[in-house]
Protein backbone atom coordinates (compact mmCIF):
# COMPACT_ATOMS: atom_id res chain seq x y z
CA MET A 1 70.71 61.71 65.50
CA ILE A 2 73.86 63.36 66.87
CA ASN A 3 73.38 63.12 70.34
CA ASP A 4 72.70 59.39 70.13
CA LEU A 5 75.94 59.20 68.35
CA LEU A 6 77.54 60.91 71.38
CA LEU A 7 76.00 58.77 74.05
CA PHE A 8 77.24 55.09 71.40
CA LEU A 9 80.76 56.49 71.80
CA ASP A 10 80.93 57.50 75.32
CA ASP A 11 78.89 53.54 76.17
CA SER A 12 81.47 51.77 73.69
CA PRO A 13 84.78 51.85 75.35
CA THR A 14 85.60 48.21 73.85
CA PRO A 15 84.48 46.27 71.01
CA PHE A 16 82.54 43.86 73.68
CA HIS A 17 80.39 47.24 74.84
CA ALA A 18 80.53 48.33 71.07
CA THR A 19 79.02 45.26 70.31
CA ASN A 20 76.47 44.79 73.22
CA ASN A 21 75.11 48.35 72.07
CA LEU A 22 74.59 48.10 68.90
CA VAL A 23 72.34 44.68 70.17
CA ALA A 24 70.36 47.10 71.98
CA GLN A 25 69.97 49.23 68.96
CA LEU A 26 68.88 46.23 66.53
CA GLU A 27 66.38 45.05 69.20
CA SER A 28 64.62 48.00 69.78
CA ALA A 29 64.12 48.23 65.80
CA GLY A 30 62.46 44.84 66.08
CA PHE A 31 65.20 42.86 65.63
CA THR A 32 65.64 39.40 66.86
CA ARG A 33 69.33 37.20 67.57
CA TRP A 34 68.83 34.70 64.71
CA GLU A 35 67.32 30.78 65.50
CA GLY A 36 67.81 29.11 61.87
CA GLU A 37 65.11 31.38 60.45
CA LEU A 38 65.38 31.27 56.49
CA ASP A 39 62.92 34.40 56.01
CA ASN A 40 62.45 37.82 55.16
CA GLY A 41 62.71 38.47 58.73
CA GLN A 42 65.36 40.77 60.52
CA TYR A 43 67.82 39.41 62.73
CA TYR A 44 71.22 39.42 64.70
CA GLU A 45 73.79 37.49 65.02
CA THR A 46 76.80 37.92 67.28
CA ARG A 47 80.54 36.13 67.70
CA ASN A 48 82.82 36.46 70.31
CA ASP A 49 80.57 38.99 72.26
CA SER A 50 82.77 41.45 69.87
CA SER A 51 81.52 41.19 66.42
CA LEU A 52 77.93 41.11 64.88
CA ILE A 53 75.92 40.74 61.49
CA ALA A 54 72.49 42.14 61.38
CA TRP A 55 70.35 41.25 58.43
CA GLN A 56 66.87 41.39 56.77
CA GLY A 57 64.94 39.93 53.48
CA ALA A 58 67.34 36.66 53.39
CA GLU A 59 64.70 35.12 51.52
CA THR A 60 64.50 38.21 48.69
CA ALA A 61 68.46 38.24 48.72
CA ASN A 62 68.34 34.72 47.24
CA SER A 63 67.96 35.86 43.97
CA GLN A 64 68.87 39.87 44.25
CA GLY A 65 71.66 39.55 46.73
CA PHE A 66 72.18 41.96 49.44
CA LYS A 67 73.36 45.22 50.03
CA MET A 68 75.47 45.21 52.46
CA VAL A 69 77.45 47.92 54.87
CA GLY A 70 80.88 46.75 56.43
CA ALA A 71 82.89 48.48 59.58
CA HIS A 72 84.87 47.56 62.48
CA THR A 73 84.27 47.52 66.02
CA ASP A 74 87.69 47.72 67.61
CA SER A 75 90.30 50.66 67.75
CA PRO A 76 93.36 50.90 68.65
CA CYS A 77 94.29 51.19 72.22
CA LEU A 78 96.40 49.84 75.29
CA LYS A 79 95.66 46.87 76.70
CA LEU A 80 96.27 45.35 80.09
CA LYS A 81 98.74 42.72 80.48
CA PRO A 82 97.84 39.20 81.58
CA ASN A 83 100.40 39.70 85.20
CA ALA A 84 99.97 43.89 84.68
CA ILE A 85 100.71 44.99 88.50
CA VAL A 86 104.28 46.62 88.15
CA LYS A 87 106.08 47.73 91.64
CA LYS A 88 108.68 50.38 91.07
CA ASN A 89 109.87 53.15 93.29
CA GLY A 90 107.05 52.71 95.58
CA TYR A 91 104.50 53.26 92.87
CA LEU A 92 101.63 50.99 91.57
CA GLN A 93 101.45 50.74 88.16
CA CYS A 94 99.71 48.66 85.34
CA GLY A 95 101.78 47.11 82.42
CA VAL A 96 99.89 47.06 78.88
CA GLU A 97 100.21 46.10 75.69
CA VAL A 98 100.02 48.12 72.43
CA TYR A 99 96.85 47.21 70.36
CA GLY A 100 97.34 48.46 67.16
CA GLY A 101 98.54 51.61 65.32
CA VAL A 102 98.54 53.23 68.71
CA LEU A 103 99.18 57.27 68.44
CA GLN A 104 101.34 56.39 71.73
CA HIS A 105 102.35 60.26 72.47
CA SER A 106 98.49 61.23 72.57
CA TRP A 107 98.24 58.79 75.62
CA PHE A 108 100.40 60.77 78.37
CA ASP A 109 98.75 62.82 80.60
CA ARG A 110 94.89 61.72 80.14
CA ASP A 111 92.53 60.54 82.36
CA LEU A 112 92.36 56.90 81.94
CA ALA A 113 89.44 54.67 82.61
CA LEU A 114 89.27 50.95 82.05
CA ALA A 115 86.70 48.42 80.36
CA GLY A 116 86.52 45.22 78.71
CA ARG A 117 85.63 41.46 79.36
CA VAL A 118 86.12 39.76 82.55
CA SER A 119 85.57 35.89 83.17
CA GLY A 120 85.68 33.95 86.23
CA ILE A 121 83.73 31.79 88.57
CA ASP A 122 80.00 32.66 89.26
CA LYS A 123 78.28 32.21 92.41
CA ASN A 124 77.07 28.34 91.36
CA GLY A 125 80.43 27.41 90.48
CA ASN A 126 79.99 28.09 86.96
CA ILE A 127 82.57 29.69 84.47
CA ALA A 128 81.19 32.87 83.05
CA SER A 129 81.80 36.00 81.33
CA GLU A 130 80.65 39.69 82.08
CA LEU A 131 81.63 43.06 80.46
CA MET A 132 83.11 45.63 82.94
CA ASN A 133 83.53 49.59 82.68
CA VAL A 134 85.17 51.41 85.25
CA ARG A 135 83.71 54.41 84.68
CA GLN A 136 86.16 56.65 86.41
CA SER A 137 89.67 58.34 86.24
CA LEU A 138 91.92 55.34 87.21
CA GLY A 139 95.31 56.43 86.28
CA ILE A 140 97.67 58.40 84.04
CA ILE A 141 100.65 58.37 82.32
CA PRO A 142 102.30 61.29 83.12
CA SER A 143 105.11 62.77 80.64
CA LEU A 144 108.66 63.89 81.54
CA ALA A 145 109.28 67.46 82.17
CA ILE A 146 110.76 69.14 79.64
CA HIS A 147 113.54 70.18 82.29
CA LEU A 148 114.40 66.64 81.92
CA ASN A 149 114.40 66.64 78.20
CA ARG A 150 115.41 69.36 76.77
CA ASP A 151 115.18 67.25 73.53
CA ALA A 152 111.53 66.74 74.01
CA ASN A 153 109.76 68.94 71.05
CA LYS A 154 112.81 67.70 68.66
CA ASN A 155 112.67 64.15 69.46
CA ASN A 156 110.22 62.27 71.15
CA SER A 157 109.96 58.60 71.01
CA VAL A 158 108.16 56.79 73.33
CA ASN A 159 109.62 53.01 73.78
CA PRO A 160 106.15 51.66 75.15
CA GLN A 161 107.96 48.88 77.11
CA GLU A 162 109.22 51.79 79.69
CA HIS A 163 107.04 54.58 79.23
CA LEU A 164 103.38 53.37 78.84
CA PRO A 165 103.19 51.44 82.02
CA VAL A 166 100.34 53.87 83.51
CA LEU A 167 99.99 54.85 87.31
CA ILE A 168 97.59 53.70 89.58
CA SER A 169 98.49 54.40 93.23
CA SER A 170 101.51 55.64 95.45
CA ASN A 171 100.50 53.01 97.02
CA ASP A 172 102.15 49.54 96.23
CA SER A 173 100.45 47.49 98.34
CA GLN A 174 98.09 45.74 96.01
CA ASN A 175 100.14 42.58 94.37
CA THR A 176 97.54 41.55 91.31
CA VAL A 177 95.32 43.10 88.94
CA ALA A 178 92.02 40.80 90.43
CA GLU A 179 92.63 42.67 93.75
CA VAL A 180 92.38 45.82 91.64
CA LEU A 181 89.22 45.00 90.03
CA LEU A 182 87.57 43.92 92.74
CA GLN A 183 87.06 47.19 93.83
CA TYR A 184 85.21 48.84 91.15
CA SER A 185 83.77 45.67 89.89
CA LYS A 186 79.76 45.84 89.70
CA THR A 187 79.94 42.03 88.27
CA LYS A 188 77.85 39.17 89.35
CA LEU A 189 81.17 36.79 89.56
CA ALA A 190 82.30 35.41 92.75
CA LYS A 191 86.02 35.35 91.41
CA ILE A 192 87.45 36.71 88.65
CA THR A 193 90.19 34.39 86.94
CA ASP A 194 90.48 36.39 83.41
CA PHE A 195 89.99 39.39 82.04
CA GLU A 196 90.74 41.64 78.26
CA LEU A 197 90.41 44.83 79.47
CA SER A 198 92.01 48.02 77.63
CA PHE A 199 92.02 51.40 79.01
CA TYR A 200 90.27 54.31 77.15
CA ASP A 201 89.92 57.98 77.47
CA HIS A 202 87.65 59.03 80.31
CA GLN A 203 87.27 61.97 78.42
CA GLY A 204 83.67 61.66 76.90
CA ALA A 205 82.62 62.67 73.37
CA SER A 206 82.16 66.70 72.75
CA ILE A 207 80.84 69.00 69.73
CA LEU A 208 82.94 71.61 69.34
CA GLY A 209 83.94 75.20 66.90
CA LEU A 210 82.81 78.26 66.41
CA ASN A 211 79.22 76.78 64.61
CA GLN A 212 79.38 73.55 66.69
CA GLU A 213 80.85 71.75 63.33
CA PHE A 214 83.19 69.37 64.96
CA ILE A 215 82.58 66.04 66.53
CA VAL A 216 85.73 65.03 68.72
CA SER A 217 85.72 61.94 70.54
CA ALA A 218 87.67 58.75 71.29
CA ARG A 219 87.22 55.59 68.78
CA LEU A 220 85.50 57.94 66.08
CA ASP A 221 87.54 55.21 63.66
CA ASN A 222 85.49 53.07 63.20
CA LEU A 223 82.90 53.33 65.81
CA LEU A 224 81.27 56.16 64.04
CA SER A 225 80.66 53.24 61.09
CA CYS A 226 79.32 50.65 63.01
CA TYR A 227 76.75 53.68 64.63
CA LEU A 228 75.58 55.00 61.10
CA GLY A 229 75.93 51.60 59.60
CA CYS A 230 73.16 50.03 62.00
CA THR A 231 70.94 53.14 62.43
CA ALA A 232 70.59 53.17 58.56
CA LEU A 233 69.57 49.89 58.29
CA THR A 234 66.88 50.10 61.20
CA ALA A 235 65.91 53.09 58.68
CA SER A 236 66.00 50.94 55.35
CA PRO A 237 62.62 49.78 54.79
CA ASN A 238 62.65 46.17 56.18
CA THR A 239 61.56 44.47 52.73
CA SER A 240 64.95 44.96 50.88
CA PRO A 241 67.45 42.34 51.52
CA ALA A 242 70.28 44.30 53.40
CA LEU A 243 72.95 43.67 55.62
CA LEU A 244 75.44 44.71 58.36
CA VAL A 245 78.68 43.23 59.15
CA CYS A 246 80.96 44.96 62.15
CA THR A 247 84.18 42.63 62.98
CA ASP A 248 86.55 43.08 65.36
CA HIS A 249 90.22 43.02 65.03
CA GLU A 250 90.53 45.18 61.93
CA GLU A 251 93.54 47.21 63.74
CA VAL A 252 95.55 43.77 64.19
CA GLY A 253 94.87 42.25 60.42
CA SER A 254 91.08 40.98 60.78
CA ALA A 255 93.06 37.19 61.28
CA SER A 256 90.78 36.02 63.69
CA THR A 257 87.27 33.82 64.08
CA SER A 258 85.49 37.26 64.80
CA GLY A 259 87.61 39.53 62.29
CA ALA A 260 87.22 39.98 58.61
CA ALA A 261 89.10 37.60 57.70
CA GLY A 262 87.67 34.88 59.63
CA PRO A 263 84.69 32.70 58.89
CA PHE A 264 81.87 34.73 60.38
CA LEU A 265 80.44 36.61 57.15
CA ALA A 266 80.83 33.36 54.85
CA SER A 267 79.11 31.07 57.29
CA ILE A 268 76.11 32.88 57.49
CA LEU A 269 75.46 33.86 54.00
CA ARG A 270 75.98 30.14 53.55
CA SER A 271 73.62 29.01 56.33
CA LEU A 272 71.10 31.85 54.82
CA ALA A 273 71.75 30.76 50.83
CA GLY A 274 71.03 27.10 51.82
CA ASP A 275 73.93 25.67 49.83
CA GLN A 276 77.29 26.83 48.42
CA ASN A 277 76.27 27.00 45.05
CA ASN A 278 73.58 29.41 46.15
CA SER A 279 75.75 31.24 48.42
CA ASP A 280 77.82 32.25 45.55
CA GLN A 281 74.99 33.35 43.26
CA VAL A 282 73.87 35.66 46.45
CA LEU A 283 77.35 37.42 46.44
CA GLN A 284 77.45 37.95 42.84
CA ASN A 285 74.48 39.72 42.66
CA SER A 286 75.39 41.26 46.70
CA ILE A 287 77.95 44.27 46.70
CA LEU A 288 79.81 46.05 49.90
CA VAL A 289 80.16 49.48 50.85
CA SER A 290 83.19 48.85 53.24
CA ALA A 291 83.02 52.04 55.24
CA ASP A 292 85.94 53.43 57.70
CA ASN A 293 86.87 56.56 57.94
CA ALA A 294 89.06 58.61 55.77
CA HIS A 295 91.92 61.10 56.00
CA ALA A 296 91.14 64.74 56.11
CA LEU A 297 93.72 67.10 54.41
CA HIS A 298 94.99 68.62 57.44
CA PRO A 299 95.76 72.52 57.46
CA ASN A 300 99.18 72.14 59.11
CA TYR A 301 100.20 69.28 57.40
CA ALA A 302 98.80 69.83 53.66
CA ASP A 303 102.05 68.73 51.78
CA LYS A 304 101.29 65.06 53.46
CA HIS A 305 98.00 64.86 50.54
CA ASP A 306 98.14 64.30 46.81
CA ASP A 307 96.81 68.10 45.89
CA LYS A 308 94.08 66.67 43.73
CA HIS A 309 92.19 64.56 46.46
CA GLY A 310 92.65 65.83 49.83
CA PRO A 311 89.07 65.43 51.30
CA LYS A 312 88.22 68.33 53.54
CA LEU A 313 85.80 68.10 56.40
CA ASN A 314 81.97 68.31 56.31
CA GLY A 315 82.68 68.15 52.31
CA GLY A 316 80.87 64.73 52.75
CA PRO A 317 81.65 60.98 52.30
CA VAL A 318 84.91 60.19 50.84
CA ILE A 319 85.69 57.21 48.00
CA LYS A 320 89.20 55.62 48.68
CA VAL A 321 91.11 54.51 45.81
CA ASN A 322 94.37 52.77 45.51
CA ALA A 323 95.91 51.14 42.26
CA ASN A 324 97.77 48.60 44.54
CA GLN A 325 94.44 47.28 45.91
CA ARG A 326 94.86 48.50 49.47
CA TYR A 327 91.25 49.82 48.87
CA ALA A 328 88.74 47.20 46.95
CA THR A 329 87.00 50.20 45.21
CA ASN A 330 86.43 49.56 41.45
CA SER A 331 84.88 52.26 38.56
CA GLU A 332 81.65 50.08 39.00
CA THR A 333 81.73 50.13 42.94
CA SER A 334 82.90 53.75 42.95
CA ALA A 335 79.85 54.41 40.73
CA ALA A 336 77.18 52.33 42.60
CA PHE A 337 78.18 54.20 45.81
CA LYS A 338 78.23 57.74 44.20
CA SER A 339 74.62 56.94 42.63
CA ALA A 340 73.04 56.78 46.10
CA CYS A 341 74.98 59.74 47.25
CA SER A 342 72.97 61.37 44.26
CA LYS A 343 70.20 60.05 45.58
CA ALA A 344 70.47 61.31 48.87
CA GLU A 345 71.90 64.66 47.22
CA VAL A 346 75.16 64.39 49.73
CA PRO A 347 78.33 65.24 48.07
CA VAL A 348 81.04 63.09 47.57
CA GLN A 349 85.02 63.28 47.89
CA THR A 350 87.48 60.84 46.56
CA PHE A 351 90.92 60.26 48.84
CA VAL A 352 94.05 58.61 46.86
CA THR A 353 97.34 58.55 48.66
CA ARG A 354 100.74 60.19 47.24
CA SER A 355 102.60 58.72 44.96
CA ASP A 356 105.55 58.25 47.32
CA MET A 357 104.16 57.26 50.30
CA SER A 358 102.36 53.88 51.73
CA CYS A 359 98.86 53.15 51.59
CA GLY A 360 96.45 52.06 54.83
CA SER A 361 94.21 49.62 54.31
CA THR A 362 90.80 48.50 55.74
CA ILE A 363 88.17 45.26 55.48
CA GLY A 364 87.22 46.10 51.91
CA PRO A 365 90.19 44.28 50.36
CA ILE A 366 89.99 41.07 53.00
CA THR A 367 86.23 40.77 52.67
CA ALA A 368 86.48 41.05 48.92
CA THR A 369 89.17 38.62 48.65
CA GLU A 370 88.01 36.32 50.81
CA LEU A 371 84.54 36.68 49.28
CA GLY A 372 84.47 37.69 45.81
CA VAL A 373 82.02 40.51 46.19
CA PRO A 374 82.11 43.68 44.48
CA THR A 375 83.15 46.61 47.21
CA VAL A 376 83.75 50.09 47.70
CA ASP A 377 85.59 51.64 50.22
CA VAL A 378 84.48 54.87 51.77
CA GLY A 379 84.72 56.69 55.32
CA VAL A 380 83.99 60.01 56.94
CA PRO A 381 86.92 62.52 56.63
CA GLN A 382 88.52 62.62 59.69
CA PHE A 383 91.25 64.49 61.39
CA ALA A 384 94.19 62.46 64.19
CA MET A 385 93.46 58.80 63.04
CA HIS A 386 94.66 56.75 65.92
CA SER A 387 94.82 59.43 68.39
CA ILE A 388 93.12 58.86 71.41
CA ARG A 389 91.13 61.72 70.52
CA GLU A 390 90.11 62.01 66.82
CA THR A 391 88.01 64.57 65.24
CA ALA A 392 85.48 64.49 62.54
CA GLY A 393 82.71 67.09 60.77
CA VAL A 394 79.36 66.85 62.24
CA THR A 395 77.76 67.14 59.17
CA ASP A 396 79.34 64.40 57.33
CA CYS A 397 78.10 61.92 59.98
CA GLU A 398 74.85 63.18 58.61
CA TYR A 399 75.91 63.26 54.85
CA MET A 400 77.15 59.35 55.48
CA LEU A 401 73.63 58.26 57.21
CA LYS A 402 71.96 59.74 54.45
CA ALA A 403 73.92 58.27 51.86
CA LEU A 404 74.24 54.31 53.83
CA ILE A 405 70.38 54.75 54.22
CA ALA A 406 69.98 55.24 50.18
CA PHE A 407 72.52 52.83 49.21
CA TYR A 408 70.15 50.23 51.49
CA ASP A 409 67.02 51.52 49.58
CA SER A 410 68.60 51.61 46.16
C-alpha cells in the first residue's frame, strides 16, 4: 500500500490530477460514472474535474444511512497569475498568487515543476480542456544570500509580491505564458488560451528514518486522506452503504461549486434519496468521518502543544476536538470512531489545541453545518503542515486505512 501511496502523491500535483487518479483507482475496483441509477451499485461523480463523490449501496442507505468519509483534494501552493510573465533585470520570471496558508519560506531554493488544467481550442475549433504536467524542474525561487541580509536568521519575513516570483530563465525573450507552455505541452490543444496552473515541488515522495518509519512528501495534507479513504472504500464489502467525498478549495474556505460549502454532496444525496424528506432521513442515519491531517507534537517545539494532547507520529489516528466547534467532533461521533479503531485493533490519539492559541478547521464543521450530518474530525498526525514538504508516519498510514475499512464495515 505504501508504494502505491507514494506513486499517487507523485502523480497528483494538483486537485485535477488527484481527482483523475482517484477515478482511475475507483474504476479499477469496478466503480462506474453515475448516470442516474438508484440501486446498490458502485458509482462516482466529479465536479470541476477537482472534486469527487463515490458511493455504493444507495438503495440500502435509504433505510440505514451512509457511512461517509470526507477529505479535500487541494493543498496550499503558488498559482500562476493570468499574465504571469515578469521581465526584470534581464531575467524571465513567473508571477504567482499564494493559494491557501502557504508556509512561504519553505518554497525557496526548491526545484519547481508546473501542473494543472489548460483550456483552449482543439484541432476541430472547439473549446476544450486538458490536464498538463511539466514533469521537470522548470523554475526556482532563490534565497537572498545571508551576506546581503545579515538578519535573515532572526527576521525572515516574505513579501509574496516581491519575493515569490519564480525564476525560469536568464533569457527574457518570451512574452506570454502560452509561449512558455507550448514548449512543454503534450496536450492535443491547437491553442492554449487559459490555464489553472500551480508550481509544485519536483522532488518525489520518499520514505526515511533509521527504521524507514517516516513518509515525506508534498501535499500530505490532504492527499493522504483522499488516498486512504478511496482505498478503504474499494476494500469495503460492496453491499454496505458507504460514501467517499473529496472536495476542492478547503484551504481557502470551501466556498465554491466544488467545495464542501457548495451544493455538490447535498445534490447527490437528494438525487439518491429521491426527495428532500427522504434525504433528511438518510442524513440523520448517516455519520461522517472528516479525515484531515492533525498536528503532531514537534520535539523541537513541544511548548506549542497542550501537555495532555500531543499526538505522536506512528501513535495512531488522531481525534480532533474543539469546544468552539472548529472541529465537529462530539462524544457520540468520537465513540463511534473509537469503536472502529478498536475493531481494527488500532491505537487512537486525541488533539486539543492549547487554550491560549487559536485552532484551525476543516471540512467537518462545514459539512455538518450544511447538511446536519453527525461528524467526527480525525487525521493522521504530521509535522510541517502547509510546508512544501511535510512529514507523517508510515505506520499511521496503515493504522488509518485499517480504521477506515472497519468504519465502513461497521
